[in-house]
Structure formats: structure tokens, C-alpha cells
Amino acid sequence: MSMITTTAWVRRGVAAQFPTKYEIDEEEMGRISKLARMQLEEAKSDLKAATEGAADGDEAMEEDDKADAQDAMEDDTKAAESAKETKLNDDDDLKEYDLDHYDSDEVDEDGEKITMFGNVKSLAYHQPNEEDPYLIIPEEEADEEREELQIMPMDNLLLAGKLEDEVAHLEVYVYEDAADNLYVHHDIMLPAIPLCLEWLDMPVGGKNAEGRTTGNFVAVGTMEPDIEIWDLDVVDCMYPNAILGQGGEESSNKKKNKKKKTKANDAYHVDSILALAANRQHRNLLASASADKTVKLWDLNTSKCAKSYAHHTDKVCALDWHPQESTVLLSGSYDRTVVAADMRAPDVKARWGVDADVENVRWDPHDANYFYVTTDSGIVYRYDARQIPASPQESKPVWTLQAHDSSVSSFDIHGTIPGFLVTGSTDKQVKLWNVENGKPSMVVSRKLEVGKVFSTTFAPDAEVGFRLAVAGSKGVVQIWDTSTNGAVRRAFVSRLPSLAGEVAERMVGVDADGNESDDDEEGAADEVVAQGGDGWESMEEDD
């Protein structure tokens, strides 16, 4: 089984041109040892708890175990007697081979012993500080390996959380736009199924060993309650740079043999991490959402939880920081509500309700008075954040779009063209939308042969902003240059004159002869409900 559950772009020029190979020095060895001790103590605590829980059951099975042991002893006795008889019969046959002296050393003509290495005089010796040429990588091979790891300034990185044959890992792709090339640069082993990724531009602790306050990192949320931070500029790393959560606490702060807390608390998550959101204006802040129903705010300078919020009554699965009001966080939950709250005054919050479990929430980067919500029922909502309902049941969206027949599992907004949206669904379709002027209409629908769609993300750089990364249940990533699609060019040419004319469509990772749906599928229709001047009106938009 193979599937990609989440993806994230890294903008151009951020990655180190020559990533370093992981090396274990004394400081790194100490860090690894500390992490290993914490994990060992945690495992011992779990084992003790499990042993105590099974004690009562062991008493009931004690008599049966004794009987089984007696039977096993009788079987061993019979086997030993049989083996003795066999040995006596074989001894006579083996005498001719003189095995008692099989390991005696032979001698050569000069009386020197001949060993498995031949004459010891022929062995080469090296002084303690002298380099062994057989253990040194030739300079030309080292340069070739370094060149293979090189990342050019015009390359993007694309990160993909993957589960393959029950092994979870993070694949780091390099995307070369000019060459239409996408390849795996290196990968990172993960402790559990990855659920969300968030790129970070600063190291935990505020600065790294070299004193730099910037970098190229990724926060990874998995089915485990801890958040791992990995350095993307280091290849073949064994352990994360930092762990946010109980697994990252100093062992001295834990009481020995204490059972894990299963109740939500203010210090760390106790269930899966479902969403992550880095604050781009306050770079040391990272928000996380969990199945434990809480949202937590982490200070990357200290790697500690600065604040915990309980705005929801069910799993919290989506987060997004306001693009202008940098302390306002939008959160969505399986309790079918969306909350906008200022993290400095969390008791003052606005809440909206939707018809099904929330899948995604996003502020509109082109008009921050509005935000979008997608749900498990296939609907996309657009809300005006200034129109706060008296209760979630009284929420009135600006418009409602039935985008898919099943869950809208992924969603994104184009960075430079207002009203250009993408939705991906478990119905295996990717759809591009034009929602400018409050009249949503579908531009194109495609099946990109990725299976159920779990991730659709536009590239972050303006030069490649039309590149759309799509991934899903088949475990493959496709990058679609949407600017080369005829329907997209016609829909948005008025906002971007360079889209005039027709060009050949580009897609990396999809075979030219593969089965792709046409740009316009006949017979399909999507119902759009828009708010008119006198109330609600229903419209049909042909594909």
C-alpha cells in the first residue's frame, strides 16, 4: 500500500545549494543519547503499566502454564536421548576427517605460519595517525556525490508525507521547472503516518550551532501526539532537530514510572496532530491542532507550549493565520464550527457553523475580510468575517458551492490571481474555479491519476505560481502547470494578459499517453448557491 497524505512547497532560494551529509560528532551523540534515554524511560513506563494491567489475567493462566512447562520438559528429555544415540552413530563416520586438528596452522617452507590472509609479512600496516587509502573516498567521487546533492537557486523543494508498505517517511523532492523535472532528493523516516506539514524558516531555539537565525526546516504532524522539527538542509539525518510535546521534555522533569496522561492538558498534545500553521509575521510562533480537541501555540525559541486553547468540542483539523491581523487564528473542527479568535484574548471569539465536518479553512489572501471553509459533504463556503452570527446555527455565508459529491479533502487559493481556487476530493477529481464577483463557476475538472486526492497546493513563488502539486491515495505526486490549460487561459486572461493565446499543456509525472479526462466533461453540473440582493438564488453551471 502506498499513499501521500500531505504536501508542502518550499520557495526558491531557501534550500542550501549543497546540503550537508549527516555526521555524528560528540555534541550530536549527546543529543541522540538524551533522546534515546527519554524514549527508553517512556517505553519502560508503558511496559510497567501494561504488566500491572495484565497481572490479574496471569494468575488465571498460571496452572495451564505449569502443565505446558511439564510437557515441554518431557519432550526435551526425549529429544536429548535421541540426539545422544545419533551422536554415537556419527562419531565413527567422522574419525577419518581428523576434525580434532582441523584448525591447526600450516607452515610454509621458511617455517612461517600460513593464515587465512596468507603470509602475514604481506600485510600492510599504517601508523595510528596515517590515513588508510582504502577508507578514504577519492576526491573526484566526493565531488560527484556533492554535485548530485546540489540544489539550484531556481529550484523548488516539494515535501510529501508518504506511507509505503506500512513505513512512514517524508520525501523531499526537487522540482526543476525549466527542465520539467521532479525527483526525490532524499527522504526522512517518520515515527507514524504523516498528517500535516508546515515549512519553517527558523531553527528551534532561535539560532543554530553556527549562530544563524534563519534556515530551512519542516514541522511534521503525525498520528503521534508529538511534533517533529527536521532540518531539510541535512541529508540522512537520524533524529529530528527538536520535538515539540511530551517526547521533547527533559526526562528529569518526568516522574519515573508514571503512566502517560491521556487527558488534554496545557503543556502538550495527547492525540494525533491534524494541522499546523506557522505565523509568518511572528516567526517564533507555531500553532497546532489536534484530535485531543485543543489548539496549542508553541514558542520555537523555547520549544515549549506558550498557550493552549479549547475552543472546540471535537477534533480540530484545520488552521490558518490571518494575513494582516497577525495574532488572529482561524480554526475548524469536526464539531462543525469555525472559530476566529485573537490569541492574545482567546475568550473573545467569533464562531460560524457549517453543515458537516470541516476539512479546510483559509483566509482570502486577496481580501482578508473573507474566509473559506470546505466540508466533508463536498461544499465550499465563503464567509464575511465582519458578519458574526448570534449563534453558529444562524451563520449566513456569502455563497455556498457544491463543489464535489464527496469530501473536499484539499483546497488552495492562487497567490496572485484573485478568485482562482482549486479543490480536490476523495471522488478523485481536481477542479479549478473562478469565483470572482461572487459568481462561482468551474473552469476545468481533471482526474490526474493520483487516486483519492488528499493534497492540492499552488507553488509559493510568483514565477511558478500556476504550478499545482497534486497527490493522493496512489502514492504519487503530479505537478500541473495550470497556466498551460486552455480553459484557464481563457478564464483569467483579463486579469493576466500574458495568458493570451494557446500553448501546449505541461504536466510533470503524468504519462503523455495516460488516461486523462477532457478539459470539458459533458453532462456534469455543479449547483451554486449565491446570495442575491433579495435573498438566495440557485444557479446551474455547466462544466
Protein backbone atom coordinates (compact mmCIF):
# COMPACT_ATOMS: atom_id res chain seq x y z
CA MET A 1 0.00 0.00 0.00
CA SER A 2 1.28 3.47 -0.84
CA MET A 3 -0.30 6.89 -0.37
CA ILE A 4 0.68 10.52 0.05
CA THR A 5 -1.36 12.23 2.74
CA THR A 6 0.04 15.77 2.69
CA THR A 7 2.40 18.04 0.72
CA ALA A 8 4.08 21.42 1.21
CA TRP A 9 6.16 23.65 -1.08
CA VAL A 10 9.45 25.33 -0.19
CA ARG A 11 10.02 28.56 -2.09
CA ARG A 12 13.01 29.12 -4.34
CA GLY A 13 16.39 30.14 -2.99
CA VAL A 14 15.74 28.89 0.56
CA ALA A 15 17.39 25.48 0.44
CA ALA A 16 21.16 25.22 0.83
CA GLN A 17 22.80 24.83 -2.57
CA PHE A 18 24.92 21.98 -1.21
CA PRO A 19 23.06 20.16 1.61
CA THR A 20 25.40 18.61 4.16
CA LYS A 21 25.69 14.92 4.93
CA TYR A 22 24.69 13.97 8.44
CA GLU A 23 27.69 13.42 10.72
CA ILE A 24 27.75 12.27 14.33
CA ASP A 25 30.07 14.41 16.45
CA GLU A 26 30.32 14.48 20.22
CA GLU A 27 27.58 17.08 20.61
CA GLU A 28 25.21 15.20 18.30
CA MET A 29 25.95 11.94 20.10
CA GLY A 30 24.97 13.55 23.38
CA ARG A 31 21.72 14.86 21.90
CA ILE A 32 20.84 11.45 20.46
CA SER A 33 21.65 9.73 23.75
CA LYS A 34 19.35 12.11 25.61
CA LEU A 35 16.51 11.47 23.16
CA ALA A 36 17.10 7.73 23.35
CA ARG A 37 17.01 7.80 27.18
CA MET A 38 13.72 9.66 27.16
CA GLN A 39 12.22 7.17 24.72
CA LEU A 40 13.54 4.25 26.78
CA GLU A 41 12.09 5.61 30.01
CA GLU A 42 8.78 6.18 28.24
CA ALA A 43 8.81 2.60 26.92
CA LYS A 44 9.64 1.22 30.39
CA SER A 45 6.75 3.18 31.88
CA ASP A 46 4.37 1.81 29.25
CA LEU A 47 5.65 -1.73 29.81
CA LYS A 48 5.17 -1.48 33.57
CA ALA A 49 1.64 -0.18 33.11
CA ALA A 50 0.84 -3.00 30.71
CA THR A 51 2.35 -5.59 33.08
CA GLU A 52 0.35 -4.33 36.03
CA GLY A 53 -2.81 -4.38 33.94
CA ALA A 54 -2.21 -7.96 32.90
CA ALA A 55 -1.32 -9.25 36.42
CA ASP A 56 -4.82 -10.48 37.22
CA GLY A 57 -5.09 -12.37 33.98
CA ASP A 58 -1.72 -14.05 34.59
CA GLU A 59 -2.93 -15.71 37.80
CA ALA A 60 -5.76 -17.42 35.96
CA MET A 61 -3.33 -18.80 33.39
CA GLU A 62 -0.68 -19.97 35.91
CA GLU A 63 -1.88 -23.58 36.23
CA ASP A 64 -2.06 -24.03 32.45
CA ASP A 65 1.47 -22.62 32.12
CA LYS A 66 2.78 -25.15 34.66
CA ALA A 67 1.23 -28.04 32.76
CA ASP A 68 2.68 -26.76 29.50
CA ALA A 69 6.12 -26.43 31.11
CA GLN A 70 5.98 -30.03 32.37
CA ASP A 71 5.09 -31.29 28.89
CA ALA A 72 7.92 -29.27 27.39
CA MET A 73 10.44 -30.75 29.85
CA GLU A 74 9.37 -34.29 28.93
CA ASP A 75 9.73 -33.51 25.24
CA ASP A 76 13.21 -32.04 25.80
CA THR A 77 14.32 -35.17 27.68
CA LYS A 78 13.20 -37.44 24.85
CA ALA A 79 14.93 -35.21 22.29
CA ALA A 80 18.19 -35.26 24.26
CA GLU A 81 18.20 -39.08 24.45
CA SER A 82 17.58 -39.32 20.71
CA ALA A 83 20.40 -36.86 19.95
CA LYS A 84 22.82 -38.88 22.12
CA GLU A 85 22.13 -42.05 20.16
CA THR A 86 22.61 -40.20 16.87
CA LYS A 87 25.97 -38.77 18.04
CA LEU A 88 27.33 -42.21 18.93
CA ASN A 89 26.46 -43.47 15.46
CA ASP A 90 28.07 -40.47 13.73
CA ASP A 91 31.38 -40.48 15.66
CA ASP A 92 32.75 -43.46 13.77
CA ASP A 93 31.96 -41.83 10.40
CA LEU A 94 33.77 -38.57 11.30
CA LYS A 95 37.05 -40.08 12.57
CA GLU A 96 38.54 -40.23 9.08
CA TYR A 97 38.38 -36.40 8.79
CA ASP A 98 40.57 -35.79 11.87
CA LEU A 99 38.43 -32.87 12.96
CA ASP A 100 40.28 -32.60 16.28
CA HIS A 101 43.13 -30.87 14.43
CA TYR A 102 41.21 -29.01 11.69
CA ASP A 103 42.22 -25.56 12.97
CA SER A 104 45.95 -26.23 13.33
CA ASP A 105 48.02 -23.73 11.34
CA GLU A 106 50.08 -24.91 8.40
CA VAL A 107 53.64 -23.67 7.92
CA ASP A 108 55.44 -22.62 4.75
CA GLU A 109 58.95 -23.58 3.60
CA ASP A 110 60.53 -20.99 5.95
CA GLY A 111 58.59 -22.29 8.92
CA GLU A 112 56.21 -19.30 8.97
CA LYS A 113 52.57 -19.93 9.77
CA ILE A 114 50.14 -19.64 6.86
CA THR A 115 46.94 -17.91 7.97
CA MET A 116 43.64 -17.19 6.20
CA PHE A 117 45.26 -13.95 4.97
CA GLY A 118 48.29 -15.75 3.58
CA ASN A 119 51.75 -14.88 4.87
CA VAL A 120 51.46 -12.11 7.48
CA LYS A 121 54.59 -10.49 6.02
CA SER A 122 52.49 -9.36 3.08
CA LEU A 123 50.04 -7.32 5.21
CA ALA A 124 50.24 -3.51 5.01
CA TYR A 125 50.48 -1.56 8.27
CA HIS A 126 49.51 2.07 8.93
CA GLN A 127 50.68 4.30 11.70
CA PRO A 128 47.96 5.48 14.17
CA ASN A 129 47.59 8.92 12.51
CA GLU A 130 48.13 7.72 8.96
CA GLU A 131 45.12 7.58 6.59
CA ASP A 132 44.17 4.21 5.12
CA PRO A 133 43.69 4.76 1.37
CA TYR A 134 41.04 2.05 1.28
CA LEU A 135 38.85 4.00 3.73
CA ILE A 136 39.19 7.40 2.05
CA ILE A 137 36.72 8.41 -0.65
CA PRO A 138 38.61 9.68 -3.70
CA GLU A 139 38.24 13.42 -4.23
CA GLU A 140 36.61 13.01 -7.63
CA GLU A 141 33.95 10.67 -6.16
CA ALA A 142 33.27 13.10 -3.30
CA ASP A 143 32.81 15.95 -5.80
CA GLU A 144 30.42 13.81 -7.86
CA GLU A 145 28.34 12.96 -4.80
CA ARG A 146 28.28 16.63 -3.79
CA GLU A 147 27.12 17.60 -7.28
CA GLU A 148 24.30 15.05 -7.13
CA LEU A 149 23.01 16.67 -3.93
CA GLN A 150 23.19 20.20 -5.37
CA ILE A 151 20.00 22.29 -5.35
CA MET A 152 19.99 25.25 -7.71
CA PRO A 153 18.62 28.67 -6.62
CA MET A 154 15.81 28.41 -9.20
CA ASP A 155 14.66 25.01 -7.92
CA ASN A 156 11.71 24.49 -5.61
CA LEU A 157 11.51 21.81 -2.97
CA LEU A 158 8.28 19.88 -2.61
CA LEU A 159 7.71 17.92 0.60
CA ALA A 160 5.43 14.87 0.65
CA GLY A 161 4.33 12.87 3.67
CA LYS A 162 4.13 9.27 2.49
CA LEU A 163 3.06 5.86 3.77
CA GLU A 164 4.53 2.97 1.79
CA ASP A 165 4.28 -0.70 2.81
CA GLU A 166 3.38 0.41 6.34
CA VAL A 167 6.55 2.53 6.58
CA ALA A 168 6.06 6.27 7.11
CA HIS A 169 8.53 8.77 5.73
CA LEU A 170 8.91 12.28 4.33
CA GLU A 171 10.04 12.54 0.73
CA VAL A 172 11.94 15.70 -0.25
CA TYR A 173 11.53 16.36 -3.99
CA VAL A 174 13.42 18.82 -6.15
CA TYR A 175 11.30 20.47 -8.84
CA GLU A 176 13.20 21.90 -11.81
CA ASP A 177 10.59 23.93 -13.64
CA ALA A 178 12.62 24.78 -16.74
CA ALA A 179 13.56 21.13 -17.28
CA ASP A 180 10.12 19.69 -16.41
CA ASN A 181 11.88 17.50 -13.88
CA LEU A 182 10.71 16.22 -10.50
CA TYR A 183 12.81 13.79 -8.46
CA VAL A 184 13.33 12.61 -4.88
CA HIS A 185 16.40 14.30 -3.38
CA HIS A 186 16.34 12.46 -0.04
CA ASP A 187 13.84 11.12 2.45
CA ILE A 188 13.33 11.11 6.23
CA MET A 189 11.94 8.27 8.33
CA LEU A 190 8.93 9.20 10.46
CA PRO A 191 7.51 7.54 13.59
CA ALA A 192 3.91 7.32 12.33
CA ILE A 193 1.59 8.19 9.43
CA PRO A 194 2.19 11.87 8.48
CA LEU A 195 -0.92 14.03 8.54
CA CYS A 196 0.32 17.61 8.06
CA LEU A 197 3.46 19.57 7.15
CA GLU A 198 4.49 23.18 7.71
CA TRP A 199 7.66 24.82 6.43
CA LEU A 200 9.62 26.89 8.97
CA ASP A 201 12.33 29.46 8.31
CA MET A 202 13.90 29.47 11.79
CA PRO A 203 15.56 26.84 13.97
CA VAL A 204 14.13 25.79 17.31
CA GLY A 205 16.00 27.74 19.97
CA GLY A 206 16.19 30.87 17.84
CA LYS A 207 19.55 30.09 16.22
CA ASN A 208 21.56 27.10 15.11
CA ALA A 209 25.08 25.97 16.03
CA GLU A 210 26.58 28.46 13.56
CA GLY A 211 24.56 31.31 15.06
CA ARG A 212 22.18 31.69 12.08
CA THR A 213 18.62 32.75 12.89
CA THR A 214 17.20 31.55 9.56
CA GLY A 215 17.11 28.15 7.95
CA ASN A 216 15.14 25.53 6.06
CA PHE A 217 13.07 23.35 8.37
CA VAL A 218 9.80 21.44 8.36
CA ALA A 219 7.39 20.70 11.19
CA VAL A 220 5.72 17.31 10.83
CA GLY A 221 2.46 16.26 12.47
CA THR A 222 1.65 12.55 12.59
CA MET A 223 -0.66 10.07 14.28
CA GLU A 224 1.61 10.51 17.32
CA PRO A 225 0.97 13.47 19.68
CA ASP A 226 4.47 14.97 19.27
CA ILE A 227 5.57 17.43 16.56
CA GLU A 228 8.96 16.73 14.98
CA ILE A 229 11.16 19.50 13.51
CA TRP A 230 13.61 18.40 10.79
CA ASP A 231 16.41 20.30 9.05
CA LEU A 232 15.86 19.98 5.28
CA ASP A 233 19.46 21.02 4.54
CA VAL A 234 20.88 17.90 6.20
CA VAL A 235 20.76 14.57 4.36
CA ASP A 236 20.48 11.15 6.06
CA CYS A 237 19.72 12.63 9.47
CA MET A 238 18.74 10.05 12.10
CA TYR A 239 16.89 12.17 14.65
CA PRO A 240 14.83 15.38 14.38
CA ASN A 241 16.35 18.69 15.43
CA ALA A 242 13.65 19.10 18.04
CA ILE A 243 10.44 17.54 19.32
CA LEU A 244 7.55 19.70 20.49
CA GLY A 245 5.46 17.86 23.06
CA GLN A 246 5.91 15.35 25.84
CA GLY A 247 8.58 13.47 23.87
CA GLY A 248 10.73 16.59 23.87
CA GLU A 249 10.61 17.25 27.60
CA GLU A 250 13.65 16.70 29.80
CA SER A 251 13.48 13.29 31.42
CA SER A 252 14.36 14.87 34.78
CA ASN A 253 11.06 16.72 34.68
CA LYS A 254 9.12 13.49 34.47
CA LYS A 255 8.21 11.34 37.41
CA LYS A 256 9.64 7.87 36.96
CA ASN A 257 7.25 5.06 36.12
CA LYS A 258 4.35 7.49 35.82
CA LYS A 259 1.64 6.48 33.40
CA LYS A 260 1.07 8.71 30.40
CA LYS A 261 -1.64 11.30 30.77
CA THR A 262 -4.48 10.69 28.37
CA LYS A 263 -6.45 13.82 29.23
CA ALA A 264 -5.91 17.06 27.35
CA ASN A 265 -3.66 19.48 29.20
CA ASP A 266 -1.97 22.85 28.76
CA ALA A 267 1.58 21.56 28.18
CA TYR A 268 1.41 19.13 25.24
CA HIS A 269 -0.94 17.23 22.94
CA VAL A 270 -2.14 13.74 23.83
CA ASP A 271 -3.52 12.71 20.44
CA SER A 272 -2.77 12.95 16.71
CA ILE A 273 -1.62 16.26 15.20
CA LEU A 274 -4.11 17.16 12.43
CA ALA A 275 -2.96 20.66 11.37
CA LEU A 276 -0.01 23.04 11.70
CA ALA A 277 0.26 26.75 10.91
CA ALA A 278 3.41 28.89 11.18
CA ASN A 279 2.97 32.59 11.87
CA ARG A 280 4.91 34.39 9.12
CA GLN A 281 4.99 37.73 10.97
CA HIS A 282 5.90 36.35 14.39
CA ARG A 283 8.37 33.75 13.18
CA ASN A 284 8.79 32.02 16.53
CA LEU A 285 5.10 31.05 16.78
CA LEU A 286 3.71 27.74 15.51
CA ALA A 287 0.08 26.74 16.02
CA SER A 288 -1.02 23.10 16.13
CA ALA A 289 -4.43 21.45 16.08
CA SER A 290 -5.09 18.00 17.46
CA ALA A 291 -7.58 15.20 17.78
CA ASP A 292 -7.46 15.93 21.53
CA LYS A 293 -9.80 18.89 20.73
CA THR A 294 -7.23 21.57 21.59
CA VAL A 295 -5.20 24.17 19.70
CA LYS A 296 -1.74 24.89 21.05
CA LEU A 297 0.64 27.78 20.45
CA TRP A 298 4.34 26.84 20.51
CA ASP A 299 7.25 29.22 21.07
CA LEU A 300 10.08 27.97 18.85
CA ASN A 301 12.60 29.96 20.89
CA THR A 302 11.92 27.78 23.93
CA SER A 303 10.29 24.71 22.26
CA LYS A 304 7.56 24.97 24.90
CA CYS A 305 3.79 25.35 24.63
CA ALA A 306 3.06 29.02 25.32
CA LYS A 307 -0.73 28.68 25.42
CA SER A 308 -3.45 26.07 24.96
CA TYR A 309 -6.96 26.77 23.68
CA ALA A 310 -10.16 24.73 23.98
CA HIS A 311 -12.46 26.49 21.50
CA HIS A 312 -13.96 23.28 20.11
CA THR A 313 -15.80 20.21 21.37
CA ASP A 314 -14.43 17.75 18.82
CA LYS A 315 -11.24 17.09 16.84
CA VAL A 316 -9.61 20.28 15.49
CA CYS A 317 -8.44 19.64 11.93
CA ALA A 318 -7.70 22.96 10.20
CA LEU A 319 -5.83 26.21 11.00
CA ASP A 320 -4.90 29.44 9.23
CA TRP A 321 -3.38 32.71 10.49
CA HIS A 322 -4.94 35.97 9.36
CA PRO A 323 -2.73 37.52 6.63
CA GLN A 324 -2.89 41.02 8.18
CA GLU A 325 -4.04 40.72 11.80
CA SER A 326 -1.12 38.50 12.74
CA THR A 327 -2.50 37.34 16.10
CA VAL A 328 -5.88 36.17 14.78
CA LEU A 329 -6.15 32.44 14.14
CA LEU A 330 -8.91 30.63 12.24
CA SER A 331 -9.66 27.05 13.33
CA GLY A 332 -12.06 24.41 12.02
CA SER A 333 -13.34 21.31 13.75
CA TYR A 334 -15.36 18.13 13.45
CA ASP A 335 -17.84 19.85 15.77
CA ARG A 336 -18.98 21.59 12.54
CA THR A 337 -17.91 25.06 13.63
CA VAL A 338 -15.20 27.53 12.63
CA VAL A 339 -13.72 29.93 15.19
CA ALA A 340 -11.77 33.16 14.65
CA ALA A 341 -10.00 34.29 17.81
CA ASP A 342 -7.24 36.69 18.79
CA MET A 343 -4.61 34.57 20.56
CA ARG A 344 -3.93 37.46 22.94
CA ALA A 345 -7.56 37.47 24.12
CA PRO A 346 -8.87 33.96 23.39
CA ASP A 347 -12.10 34.46 25.32
CA VAL A 348 -13.21 36.95 22.65
CA LYS A 349 -14.02 34.88 19.60
CA ALA A 350 -16.43 34.61 16.70
CA ARG A 351 -17.99 31.29 15.68
CA TRP A 352 -19.67 30.14 12.47
CA GLY A 353 -21.48 26.87 11.78
CA VAL A 354 -21.48 24.59 8.72
CA ASP A 355 -23.49 21.52 7.71
CA ALA A 356 -20.78 18.83 8.09
CA ASP A 357 -17.33 18.13 9.49
CA VAL A 358 -14.82 20.81 8.50
CA GLU A 359 -11.97 19.75 6.18
CA ASN A 360 -10.12 23.03 5.42
CA VAL A 361 -10.20 26.71 6.44
CA ARG A 362 -8.41 29.54 4.62
CA TRP A 363 -8.40 33.31 4.82
CA ASP A 364 -8.68 35.01 1.44
CA PRO A 365 -5.18 36.48 0.86
CA HIS A 366 -6.63 38.99 -1.64
CA ASP A 367 -9.33 40.30 0.71
CA ALA A 368 -8.73 39.39 4.34
CA ASN A 369 -12.30 40.30 5.35
CA TYR A 370 -13.36 36.93 3.95
CA PHE A 371 -12.50 33.29 4.56
CA TYR A 372 -13.32 29.91 3.01
CA VAL A 373 -14.43 26.65 4.59
CA THR A 374 -14.65 23.22 2.92
CA THR A 375 -16.53 20.29 4.39
CA ASP A 376 -16.86 16.54 4.32
CA SER A 377 -20.13 16.89 2.40
CA GLY A 378 -18.38 18.40 -0.65
CA ILE A 379 -19.33 22.04 -0.02
CA VAL A 380 -17.21 25.20 -0.15
CA TYR A 381 -18.42 28.20 1.87
CA ARG A 382 -17.29 31.82 1.63
CA TYR A 383 -17.92 33.90 4.77
CA ASP A 384 -17.61 37.58 5.59
CA ALA A 385 -15.68 37.73 8.88
CA ARG A 386 -17.36 41.06 9.69
CA GLN A 387 -20.80 39.41 9.78
CA ILE A 388 -20.65 37.49 13.05
CA PRO A 389 -23.77 35.40 13.76
CA ALA A 390 -25.51 35.38 17.12
CA SER A 391 -25.15 31.58 17.09
CA PRO A 392 -23.47 29.09 14.73
CA GLN A 393 -26.88 27.93 13.52
CA GLU A 394 -27.61 31.45 12.23
CA SER A 395 -24.48 31.64 10.06
CA LYS A 396 -25.06 33.07 6.59
CA PRO A 397 -22.30 32.56 4.03
CA VAL A 398 -21.75 34.99 1.16
CA TRP A 399 -22.18 32.00 -1.14
CA THR A 400 -22.22 28.20 -1.00
CA LEU A 401 -20.73 25.96 -3.67
CA GLN A 402 -21.46 22.24 -4.02
CA ALA A 403 -18.02 21.57 -5.45
CA HIS A 404 -17.92 17.76 -5.21
CA ASP A 405 -20.19 14.84 -4.42
CA SER A 406 -17.84 13.68 -1.66
CA SER A 407 -15.43 15.30 0.79
CA VAL A 408 -13.48 18.39 -0.31
CA SER A 409 -10.29 17.00 1.20
CA SER A 410 -7.95 19.66 -0.19
CA PHE A 411 -8.21 23.34 -1.07
CA ASP A 412 -5.97 26.23 -2.09
CA ILE A 413 -6.09 29.80 -3.39
CA HIS A 414 -3.84 31.16 -6.15
CA GLY A 415 -1.34 33.63 -4.73
CA THR A 416 -1.55 36.35 -7.41
CA ILE A 417 -4.92 35.98 -9.17
CA PRO A 418 -7.96 36.82 -7.02
CA GLY A 419 -10.83 34.37 -7.30
CA PHE A 420 -8.74 31.46 -8.64
CA LEU A 421 -9.39 28.42 -6.42
CA VAL A 422 -8.61 24.70 -6.54
CA THR A 423 -10.47 21.88 -4.82
CA GLY A 424 -9.51 18.23 -4.55
CA SER A 425 -11.79 15.45 -3.42
CA THR A 426 -11.99 11.81 -2.43
CA ASP A 427 -14.02 11.43 -5.66
CA LYS A 428 -10.55 11.53 -7.35
CA GLN A 429 -11.23 14.82 -9.13
CA VAL A 430 -9.32 18.10 -9.10
CA LYS A 431 -11.37 21.16 -10.03
CA LEU A 432 -10.29 24.71 -10.80
CA TRP A 433 -12.76 27.51 -10.05
CA ASN A 434 -13.30 31.16 -10.92
CA VAL A 435 -15.19 32.78 -8.03
CA GLU A 436 -14.57 36.42 -8.89
CA ASN A 437 -17.52 38.81 -8.36
CA GLY A 438 -19.33 36.30 -6.14
CA LYS A 439 -20.40 34.05 -9.01
CA PRO A 440 -18.52 30.75 -8.71
CA SER A 441 -18.06 28.82 -11.93
CA MET A 442 -15.98 25.76 -12.68
CA VAL A 443 -13.12 26.31 -15.14
CA VAL A 444 -11.90 22.74 -15.57
CA SER A 445 -12.19 19.32 -13.93
CA ARG A 446 -9.48 16.65 -14.14
CA LYS A 447 -8.63 13.22 -12.86
CA LEU A 448 -4.85 13.24 -12.54
CA GLU A 449 -4.43 9.53 -11.78
CA VAL A 450 -3.35 10.09 -8.18
CA GLY A 451 -6.31 8.22 -6.69
CA LYS A 452 -8.32 9.92 -3.98
CA VAL A 453 -6.99 13.47 -3.80
CA PHE A 454 -5.55 14.43 -0.40
CA SER A 455 -3.48 17.49 -1.31
CA THR A 456 -3.65 20.32 -3.88
CA THR A 457 -1.21 23.21 -3.37
CA PHE A 458 -0.11 26.08 -5.62
CA ALA A 459 3.62 26.88 -5.71
CA PRO A 460 4.54 29.89 -3.50
CA ASP A 461 6.72 31.81 -5.97
CA ALA A 462 5.11 34.24 -8.41
CA GLU A 463 7.24 32.94 -11.29
CA VAL A 464 5.81 29.43 -10.89
CA GLY A 465 2.58 30.32 -9.12
CA PHE A 466 0.44 28.41 -11.62
CA ARG A 467 2.21 25.13 -10.80
CA LEU A 468 -0.18 22.94 -8.84
CA ALA A 469 1.09 19.94 -6.83
CA VAL A 470 -1.49 17.16 -6.54
CA ALA A 471 -1.12 13.94 -4.52
CA GLY A 472 -3.31 11.22 -3.13
CA SER A 473 -4.03 7.59 -2.37
CA LYS A 474 -1.88 6.13 -5.17
CA GLY A 475 1.29 7.47 -3.58
CA VAL A 476 2.41 9.65 -6.49
CA VAL A 477 2.85 13.41 -6.94
CA GLN A 478 1.86 15.25 -10.11
CA ILE A 479 2.71 18.88 -10.88
CA TRP A 480 0.31 20.53 -13.28
CA ASP A 481 1.19 23.85 -14.92
CA THR A 482 -2.36 25.19 -14.91
CA SER A 483 -1.33 28.25 -16.95
CA THR A 484 -0.94 25.98 -20.00
CA ASN A 485 -4.54 24.76 -19.80
CA GLY A 486 -6.73 26.39 -22.47
CA ALA A 487 -9.76 26.85 -20.22
CA VAL A 488 -7.64 28.50 -17.50
CA ARG A 489 -6.01 30.86 -20.01
CA ARG A 490 -9.38 31.95 -21.35
CA ALA A 491 -10.91 32.38 -17.87
CA PHE A 492 -8.16 34.58 -16.42
CA VAL A 493 -6.66 36.37 -19.42
CA SER A 494 -8.47 39.60 -18.45
CA ARG A 495 -6.55 39.63 -15.16
CA LEU A 496 -3.25 38.42 -16.63
CA PRO A 497 -2.80 39.45 -20.30
CA SER A 498 0.21 37.16 -20.70
CA LEU A 499 -2.23 34.23 -20.76
CA ALA A 500 -3.47 35.25 -24.23
CA GLY A 501 -3.15 32.55 -26.88
CA GLU A 502 -2.88 28.77 -26.74
CA VAL A 503 0.14 26.72 -25.65
CA ALA A 504 0.93 23.03 -25.18
CA GLU A 505 -0.19 21.76 -21.79
CA ARG A 506 2.56 20.83 -19.31
CA MET A 507 2.36 18.24 -16.58
CA VAL A 508 5.24 16.56 -14.74
CA GLY A 509 4.73 12.98 -13.70
CA VAL A 510 1.78 12.15 -15.97
CA ASP A 511 2.46 9.98 -19.00
CA ALA A 512 1.59 11.65 -22.29
CA ASP A 513 -0.50 8.62 -23.24
CA GLY A 514 -2.15 8.27 -19.84
CA ASN A 515 -5.91 8.38 -19.39
CA GLU A 516 -6.78 11.98 -18.62
CA SER A 517 -10.24 13.48 -18.57
CA ASP A 518 -11.00 16.19 -21.12
CA ASP A 519 -10.99 19.83 -20.09
CA ASP A 520 -14.78 19.94 -20.52
CA GLU A 521 -16.82 16.95 -19.39
CA GLU A 522 -20.28 16.80 -20.91
CA GLY A 523 -23.36 16.17 -18.80
CA ALA A 524 -21.86 17.30 -15.48
CA ALA A 525 -23.24 20.19 -13.47
CA ASP A 526 -22.42 21.82 -10.16
CA GLU A 527 -25.02 23.64 -8.16
CA VAL A 528 -24.00 27.04 -6.90
CA VAL A 529 -25.98 28.93 -4.32
CA ALA A 530 -25.22 32.65 -4.23
CA GLN A 531 -26.58 35.41 -2.07
CA GLY A 532 -28.51 37.90 -4.17
CA GLY A 533 -29.88 41.29 -3.29
CA ASP A 534 -33.28 39.97 -2.23
CA GLY A 535 -32.23 36.60 -0.78
CA TRP A 536 -30.89 33.30 -2.12
CA GLU A 537 -30.93 32.17 -5.69
CA SER A 538 -29.86 28.84 -7.18
CA MET A 539 -27.91 28.57 -10.42
CA GLU A 540 -26.54 25.73 -12.57
CA GLU A 541 -23.07 26.00 -14.05
CA ASP A 542 -22.15 23.70 -16.92
CA ASP A 543 -18.65 22.20 -16.91
